[in-house]
Every structure is written in structure tokens, then in C-alpha cells.
Protein backbone atom coordinates (compact mmCIF):
# COMPACT_ATOMS: atom_id res chain seq x y z
CA MET A 1 -29.72 85.14 49.21
CA GLU A 2 -31.48 88.41 48.48
CA LEU A 3 -31.88 87.35 44.84
CA ALA A 4 -33.36 84.00 45.89
CA TYR A 5 -35.91 85.81 48.07
CA ARG A 6 -36.77 88.19 45.23
CA ILE A 7 -37.33 85.27 42.84
CA ALA A 8 -39.43 83.43 45.43
CA ARG A 9 -41.62 86.48 45.93
CA ILE A 10 -42.16 86.84 42.18
CA VAL A 11 -43.09 83.14 41.89
CA GLU A 12 -45.49 83.51 44.81
CA GLU A 13 -47.18 86.54 43.28
CA GLU A 14 -47.39 85.18 39.74
CA GLY A 15 -48.38 81.66 40.74
CA CYS A 16 -50.67 82.54 43.64
CA LEU A 17 -48.52 80.33 45.86
CA THR A 18 -47.17 80.72 49.37
CA GLY A 19 -43.58 79.75 50.03
CA HIS A 20 -42.07 78.89 53.40
CA ASP A 21 -38.50 79.64 54.46
CA PHE A 22 -37.52 76.78 56.74
CA GLU A 23 -34.28 78.51 57.75
CA VAL A 24 -36.19 81.21 59.65
CA GLY A 25 -39.52 79.40 60.09
CA ARG A 26 -41.60 82.04 58.33
CA PRO A 27 -43.34 82.53 55.00
CA THR A 28 -41.01 83.78 52.27
CA ARG A 29 -42.90 87.08 51.98
CA THR A 30 -42.09 87.98 55.58
CA GLY A 31 -38.79 86.12 55.80
CA ASP A 32 -35.44 87.66 56.63
CA PRO A 33 -32.79 86.95 53.95
CA VAL A 34 -29.91 88.13 56.17
CA LYS A 35 -30.95 85.90 59.06
CA ALA A 36 -31.49 82.95 56.69
CA ALA A 37 -28.06 83.46 55.10
CA ASN A 38 -26.37 83.56 58.51
CA ARG A 39 -28.10 80.40 59.65
CA LEU A 40 -27.34 78.60 56.39
CA SER A 41 -23.70 79.65 56.71
CA ARG A 42 -23.49 78.14 60.20
CA VAL A 43 -25.09 74.90 59.02
CA SER A 44 -22.72 74.58 56.06
CA GLY A 45 -19.73 75.34 58.32
CA TRP A 46 -20.82 72.63 60.73
CA ALA A 47 -21.28 70.15 57.88
CA GLN A 48 -17.83 70.94 56.44
CA HIS A 49 -16.22 70.48 59.84
CA HIS A 50 -17.93 67.16 60.58
CA PHE A 51 -17.93 65.57 57.13
CA SER A 52 -14.52 66.57 55.77
């Protein structure tokens, strides 16, 4: 997740874009990769439980 954030920040800087992390509801530049990873983990666990 940290690598994904790093790549997103580079793309934002080079492309003059602003990304949004929907997992934490904040722009990618100020996002929290640990919090996003935890939330994504809970969502994927829920999906595995309900769709397996």
C-alpha cells in the first residue's frame, strides 16, 4: 500500500493532478496508507466471507 501511495504522489506531482483516496476519504497527498490498508483488508475479508 505504501508503494501505491508513493506512485500516486509521483503521478500527482508530474501530471499536476490531484488524487483522492476513497478508503480514507482524503486526497492521496494527505492520505494514510496504513489506515487505508486496514480498511481495505476488512472489506476484502467481508467479501470473502459473504461471497465464498
